[in-house]
Amino acid sequence: EFHATNVGRIFRPGQPPLTPNWKHLPIGYHGRAGTIVPSGTAIRRPEGLRPEPAGPPTFGPSRRLDIEAEVGFVLGSPVPRGEIALRDADDHIFGLVLTNDWSARDIQAFEYVPLGPFLGKSFATSIAAWVTPLACLDRARVAPPPREAPLAAYLDDSATAAWAFDIDIDIVLNGEVVSTAPYASTYWTAAQMLAHSTVNGAGLRAGDFFASGTVSGPGRRQRGSLLEITWGGTEPLRLADGSEIAFLRDGDEVTLRATAPGPSGTTITFGECAGRVTYGRADRS
């Protein structure tokens, strides 16, 4: 909710930040498995049509390359066809994995109305090389945020097991922690996402993957994307070396690290999710 609210205020000033349907269903979009890459894979700066302050859009490398700190979920058993009830989610989700859904904000801003992101998102999604099994995270389960709108029966989790998790995600830019995003504040749970994506009769397969959406909290240093941290580039982030950054530069490396409570007072550490931005082709604008 914090991410969606922030982005709504940045992209649609003067309008309600959340769309009318936002608290009634987990809004999402279908991506491509072919552009999911393992941690450590270099990320080439994507190209596409970029809006310009005056005149037509230009084609070239993204000028506003960003990250999104997310938690991904991997299915361990198939659903040939039909609805998965909330109470059955534990039987289908195998584990959690740190995810960076890289985003080209300028390309995304020009293309996303009315059908949502496409080229601004589809060039790469990084995941950690290690999936943390759901069975390891019993001590990390917490109640999700209070529901502020009545939910359809298939999404009503008021009487089901808790599906939020006490996970803190560090966003590390070139070795410096610039934000720590609290996954426990995420409004929609993985169980609800799974129920929603199958309620129309769609089938799923073992190994299918979906992700949480950007994890953000109420504070600036709890936001899960540079778009939010720098408020669309208007409030650059000052780094420890004295430099300022709005969006990712060629050569920047972003690493996601996360921890969660484990049994008997221990701490569970998730596999890292890292990627370095490489040079795109020459600007053709």
Protein backbone atom coordinates (compact mmCIF):
# COMPACT_ATOMS: atom_id res chain seq x y z
CA GLU A 1 0.00 0.00 0.00
CA PHE A 2 2.82 2.44 0.81
CA HIS A 3 4.43 1.83 -2.60
CA ALA A 4 1.16 2.15 -4.52
CA THR A 5 0.29 5.33 -2.63
CA ASN A 6 3.69 6.89 -3.24
CA VAL A 7 3.68 6.02 -6.94
CA GLY A 8 0.13 7.33 -7.32
CA ARG A 9 1.16 10.66 -5.82
CA ILE A 10 4.24 10.87 -8.06
CA PHE A 11 2.61 9.77 -11.32
CA ARG A 12 -0.90 11.19 -10.79
CA PRO A 13 -0.64 14.35 -8.66
CA GLY A 14 -3.98 15.89 -7.81
CA GLN A 15 -5.80 12.56 -8.06
CA PRO A 16 -6.50 9.92 -5.39
CA PRO A 17 -3.23 7.96 -5.03
CA LEU A 18 -4.93 4.54 -4.92
CA THR A 19 -7.28 3.39 -7.66
CA PRO A 20 -10.85 2.56 -6.55
CA ASN A 21 -10.28 -1.20 -6.86
CA TRP A 22 -6.98 -1.31 -4.96
CA LYS A 23 -8.30 -2.53 -1.57
CA HIS A 24 -10.76 -4.97 -3.12
CA LEU A 25 -8.32 -7.17 -5.07
CA PRO A 26 -4.56 -7.67 -5.39
CA ILE A 27 -3.81 -5.79 -8.61
CA GLY A 28 -1.11 -7.42 -10.69
CA TYR A 29 0.10 -8.19 -14.17
CA HIS A 30 1.43 -11.29 -15.93
CA GLY A 31 5.11 -11.24 -16.83
CA ARG A 32 7.43 -13.55 -18.76
CA ALA A 33 9.38 -16.42 -17.24
CA GLY A 34 12.02 -15.96 -19.95
CA THR A 35 13.34 -12.75 -18.37
CA ILE A 36 13.73 -14.09 -14.81
CA VAL A 37 17.49 -14.30 -14.17
CA PRO A 38 19.53 -15.59 -11.21
CA SER A 39 21.37 -13.37 -8.78
CA GLY A 40 24.66 -12.12 -10.20
CA THR A 41 23.41 -11.74 -13.78
CA ALA A 42 24.41 -8.40 -15.32
CA ILE A 43 21.46 -6.14 -16.19
CA ARG A 44 21.81 -4.28 -19.50
CA ARG A 45 20.16 -0.88 -19.49
CA PRO A 46 16.93 -1.37 -21.49
CA GLU A 47 15.83 0.71 -24.45
CA GLY A 48 12.39 1.94 -25.39
CA LEU A 49 10.22 4.97 -26.06
CA ARG A 50 10.71 7.68 -23.44
CA PRO A 51 8.42 10.67 -22.89
CA GLU A 52 9.92 14.12 -23.42
CA PRO A 53 8.88 17.40 -21.72
CA ALA A 54 8.00 18.87 -25.12
CA GLY A 55 7.43 17.08 -28.39
CA PRO A 56 7.10 13.42 -29.31
CA PRO A 57 8.73 10.57 -27.38
CA THR A 58 12.28 9.55 -28.22
CA PHE A 59 13.79 6.09 -28.48
CA GLY A 60 16.88 5.22 -26.48
CA PRO A 61 18.29 3.78 -23.25
CA SER A 62 16.21 4.33 -20.13
CA ARG A 63 17.27 7.42 -18.19
CA ARG A 64 15.32 6.39 -15.09
CA LEU A 65 16.39 2.82 -14.38
CA ASP A 66 15.16 1.62 -11.01
CA ILE A 67 14.78 -1.40 -8.74
CA GLU A 68 11.88 -2.89 -6.85
CA ALA A 69 12.58 -4.85 -3.68
CA GLU A 70 10.13 -7.74 -3.56
CA VAL A 71 9.54 -11.20 -2.13
CA GLY A 72 8.88 -13.94 -4.66
CA PHE A 73 6.95 -17.17 -4.16
CA VAL A 74 7.59 -20.49 -5.88
CA LEU A 75 4.87 -23.12 -6.26
CA GLY A 76 5.73 -26.65 -5.24
CA SER A 77 2.64 -28.43 -6.51
CA PRO A 78 0.46 -27.89 -9.57
CA VAL A 79 -3.12 -26.71 -9.77
CA PRO A 80 -4.50 -28.32 -12.95
CA ARG A 81 -7.49 -26.02 -13.07
CA GLY A 82 -9.63 -24.19 -10.57
CA GLU A 83 -9.65 -22.09 -7.44
CA ILE A 84 -7.16 -22.45 -4.59
CA ALA A 85 -8.81 -21.59 -1.28
CA LEU A 86 -6.85 -19.42 1.14
CA ARG A 87 -6.68 -22.28 3.63
CA ASP A 88 -4.91 -24.46 1.03
CA ALA A 89 -2.11 -22.04 0.13
CA ASP A 90 0.38 -23.86 2.40
CA ASP A 91 -0.11 -26.99 0.30
CA HIS A 92 0.99 -25.23 -2.90
CA ILE A 93 3.58 -22.53 -2.08
CA PHE A 94 6.95 -24.17 -1.55
CA GLY A 95 9.06 -21.21 -0.52
CA LEU A 96 10.09 -17.57 -0.64
CA VAL A 97 12.90 -15.93 -2.62
CA LEU A 98 14.27 -12.39 -2.73
CA THR A 99 13.30 -10.67 -5.98
CA ASN A 100 14.34 -7.48 -7.75
CA ASP A 101 11.82 -6.46 -10.42
CA TRP A 102 14.01 -3.97 -12.30
CA SER A 103 11.96 -1.12 -13.78
CA ALA A 104 12.57 1.48 -16.49
CA ARG A 105 10.42 4.26 -15.07
CA ASP A 106 10.45 6.55 -18.11
CA ILE A 107 9.48 3.74 -20.49
CA GLN A 108 6.91 2.52 -17.97
CA ALA A 109 5.38 5.99 -17.56
CA PHE A 110 4.82 6.35 -21.30
CA GLU A 111 3.36 2.89 -21.93
CA TYR A 112 1.39 1.90 -18.84
CA VAL A 113 -1.96 3.59 -19.64
CA PRO A 114 -4.32 1.85 -20.24
CA LEU A 115 -2.96 -1.72 -20.12
CA GLY A 116 -0.14 -1.52 -17.62
CA PRO A 117 3.64 -2.11 -17.81
CA PHE A 118 5.27 -4.03 -20.64
CA LEU A 119 8.74 -3.06 -21.92
CA GLY A 120 9.40 -1.04 -18.79
CA LYS A 121 9.28 -4.26 -16.74
CA SER A 122 9.90 -7.24 -19.02
CA PHE A 123 13.66 -6.84 -19.63
CA ALA A 124 14.81 -8.50 -16.37
CA THR A 125 13.63 -9.75 -12.99
CA SER A 126 16.41 -11.00 -10.70
CA ILE A 127 15.85 -13.68 -8.08
CA ALA A 128 18.16 -15.12 -5.44
CA ALA A 129 19.74 -18.48 -6.15
CA TRP A 130 18.25 -19.95 -2.97
CA VAL A 131 14.55 -20.44 -2.23
CA THR A 132 13.81 -20.43 1.51
CA PRO A 133 11.24 -23.18 2.21
CA LEU A 134 7.97 -22.06 3.74
CA ALA A 135 8.45 -24.65 6.48
CA CYS A 136 11.45 -22.66 7.79
CA LEU A 137 9.40 -19.52 8.40
CA ASP A 138 6.81 -20.54 11.01
CA ARG A 139 8.29 -18.13 13.59
CA ALA A 140 8.24 -15.27 11.07
CA ARG A 141 4.50 -15.42 10.35
CA VAL A 142 2.55 -12.35 11.49
CA ALA A 143 -0.93 -10.95 10.89
CA PRO A 144 -1.29 -8.72 7.81
CA PRO A 145 -2.32 -5.07 8.13
CA PRO A 146 -5.99 -4.46 9.06
CA ARG A 147 -8.37 -4.79 6.12
CA GLU A 148 -10.02 -1.45 5.42
CA ALA A 149 -12.62 -2.59 2.87
CA PRO A 150 -14.97 -5.59 2.86
CA LEU A 151 -13.45 -8.47 0.92
CA ALA A 152 -15.04 -11.02 -1.38
CA ALA A 153 -15.33 -14.42 0.29
CA TYR A 154 -12.45 -15.94 -1.68
CA LEU A 155 -10.10 -13.17 -0.43
CA ASP A 156 -11.37 -12.89 3.16
CA ASP A 157 -8.45 -13.98 5.35
CA SER A 158 -9.97 -12.95 8.69
CA ALA A 159 -10.27 -16.57 9.85
CA THR A 160 -7.26 -18.17 8.13
CA ALA A 161 -3.64 -18.67 9.09
CA ALA A 162 -1.41 -15.59 9.05
CA TRP A 163 0.28 -15.08 5.69
CA ALA A 164 2.32 -11.96 6.34
CA PHE A 165 5.96 -12.41 7.32
CA ASP A 166 8.31 -10.43 9.58
CA ILE A 167 11.01 -10.01 6.94
CA ASP A 168 13.30 -6.97 6.69
CA ILE A 169 14.88 -6.38 3.28
CA ASP A 170 18.07 -4.32 3.05
CA ILE A 171 18.61 -2.51 -0.24
CA VAL A 172 22.37 -2.24 -0.71
CA LEU A 173 23.67 0.14 -3.39
CA ASN A 174 27.38 -0.28 -4.16
CA GLY A 175 27.93 -1.69 -0.68
CA GLU A 176 25.88 0.94 1.19
CA VAL A 177 22.50 0.17 2.79
CA VAL A 178 20.17 2.89 1.52
CA SER A 179 16.84 1.49 2.74
CA THR A 180 15.36 -1.33 4.80
CA ALA A 181 11.90 -2.35 3.61
CA PRO A 182 9.53 -4.15 6.04
CA TYR A 183 7.63 -6.95 4.31
CA ALA A 184 5.25 -7.28 7.29
CA SER A 185 3.54 -4.04 6.21
CA THR A 186 2.48 -5.46 2.82
CA TYR A 187 -1.31 -5.26 2.45
CA TRP A 188 -2.00 -8.28 0.19
CA THR A 189 -0.62 -11.71 1.08
CA ALA A 190 0.76 -14.47 -1.11
CA ALA A 191 -2.23 -16.64 -0.20
CA GLN A 192 -4.61 -13.96 -1.48
CA MET A 193 -2.59 -13.50 -4.67
CA LEU A 194 -2.70 -17.25 -5.30
CA ALA A 195 -6.44 -17.42 -4.64
CA HIS A 196 -7.08 -14.42 -6.90
CA SER A 197 -4.98 -15.70 -9.79
CA THR A 198 -6.86 -19.02 -9.86
CA VAL A 199 -10.42 -17.96 -8.98
CA ASN A 200 -11.30 -17.63 -12.69
CA GLY A 201 -10.34 -21.26 -13.32
CA ALA A 202 -6.75 -20.65 -14.42
CA GLY A 203 -4.35 -23.52 -13.85
CA LEU A 204 -0.84 -23.33 -12.40
CA ARG A 205 2.19 -25.60 -12.58
CA ALA A 206 4.86 -26.65 -10.10
CA GLY A 207 7.67 -24.14 -10.41
CA ASP A 208 5.41 -21.23 -11.33
CA PHE A 209 6.52 -17.98 -9.76
CA PHE A 210 4.83 -14.78 -8.60
CA ALA A 211 5.98 -11.84 -6.51
CA SER A 212 4.70 -9.51 -3.83
CA GLY A 213 4.96 -6.15 -5.54
CA THR A 214 7.31 -3.52 -4.19
CA VAL A 215 7.83 -3.69 -0.44
CA SER A 216 7.79 -0.26 1.20
CA GLY A 217 7.15 1.19 4.64
CA PRO A 218 6.03 4.63 5.82
CA GLY A 219 9.51 6.18 6.14
CA ARG A 220 11.83 7.38 3.38
CA ARG A 221 14.51 4.83 4.33
CA GLN A 222 11.85 2.07 4.30
CA ARG A 223 10.93 2.49 0.64
CA GLY A 224 11.62 -0.30 -1.82
CA SER A 225 12.45 1.69 -4.96
CA LEU A 226 14.54 4.70 -5.94
CA LEU A 227 11.42 6.22 -7.51
CA GLU A 228 10.01 6.54 -3.99
CA ILE A 229 13.25 7.23 -2.11
CA THR A 230 14.08 10.17 -4.41
CA TRP A 231 10.42 11.13 -5.01
CA GLY A 232 10.60 10.77 -8.75
CA GLY A 233 14.12 12.19 -8.86
CA THR A 234 13.19 15.51 -7.22
CA GLU A 235 14.88 14.62 -3.90
CA PRO A 236 18.19 12.92 -4.81
CA LEU A 237 19.64 10.44 -2.35
CA ARG A 238 22.96 11.52 -0.85
CA LEU A 239 25.37 8.61 -0.45
CA ALA A 240 28.15 8.17 2.09
CA ASP A 241 30.79 9.23 -0.46
CA GLY A 242 29.05 12.60 -0.90
CA SER A 243 27.59 11.84 -4.32
CA GLU A 244 23.89 12.09 -5.11
CA ILE A 245 21.76 9.66 -7.07
CA ALA A 246 18.22 9.79 -8.44
CA PHE A 247 18.13 6.66 -10.61
CA LEU A 248 20.65 3.91 -11.38
CA ARG A 249 23.86 4.73 -13.21
CA ASP A 250 25.85 2.38 -15.43
CA GLY A 251 28.09 0.31 -13.19
CA ASP A 252 25.86 0.54 -10.11
CA GLU A 253 25.32 -2.73 -8.26
CA VAL A 254 22.19 -3.39 -6.21
CA THR A 255 22.02 -6.25 -3.71
CA LEU A 256 18.97 -7.29 -1.71
CA ARG A 257 19.57 -9.01 1.64
CA ALA A 258 16.93 -10.08 4.14
CA THR A 259 16.47 -11.66 7.55
CA ALA A 260 13.54 -13.10 9.46
CA PRO A 261 13.01 -14.57 12.95
CA GLY A 262 13.81 -18.26 13.19
CA PRO A 263 13.19 -20.97 15.80
CA SER A 264 14.55 -20.64 19.34
CA GLY A 265 15.63 -17.03 18.91
CA THR A 266 17.71 -17.66 15.80
CA THR A 267 17.73 -15.50 12.67
CA ILE A 268 17.07 -16.82 9.19
CA THR A 269 19.11 -15.22 6.41
CA PHE A 270 17.76 -15.30 2.87
CA GLY A 271 19.87 -15.81 -0.22
CA GLU A 272 21.14 -12.55 -1.70
CA CYS A 273 19.70 -11.09 -4.89
CA ALA A 274 22.27 -9.01 -6.78
CA GLY A 275 22.72 -7.40 -10.17
CA ARG A 276 25.02 -4.81 -11.76
CA VAL A 277 23.86 -2.36 -14.42
CA THR A 278 25.88 -2.57 -17.64
CA TYR A 279 26.14 -0.07 -20.45
CA GLY A 280 23.29 0.12 -22.92
CA ARG A 281 23.70 0.85 -26.60
CA ALA A 282 24.26 4.42 -27.73
CA ASP A 283 21.39 6.87 -27.28
CA ARG A 284 19.58 7.19 -30.61
CA SER A 285 17.33 10.13 -29.75
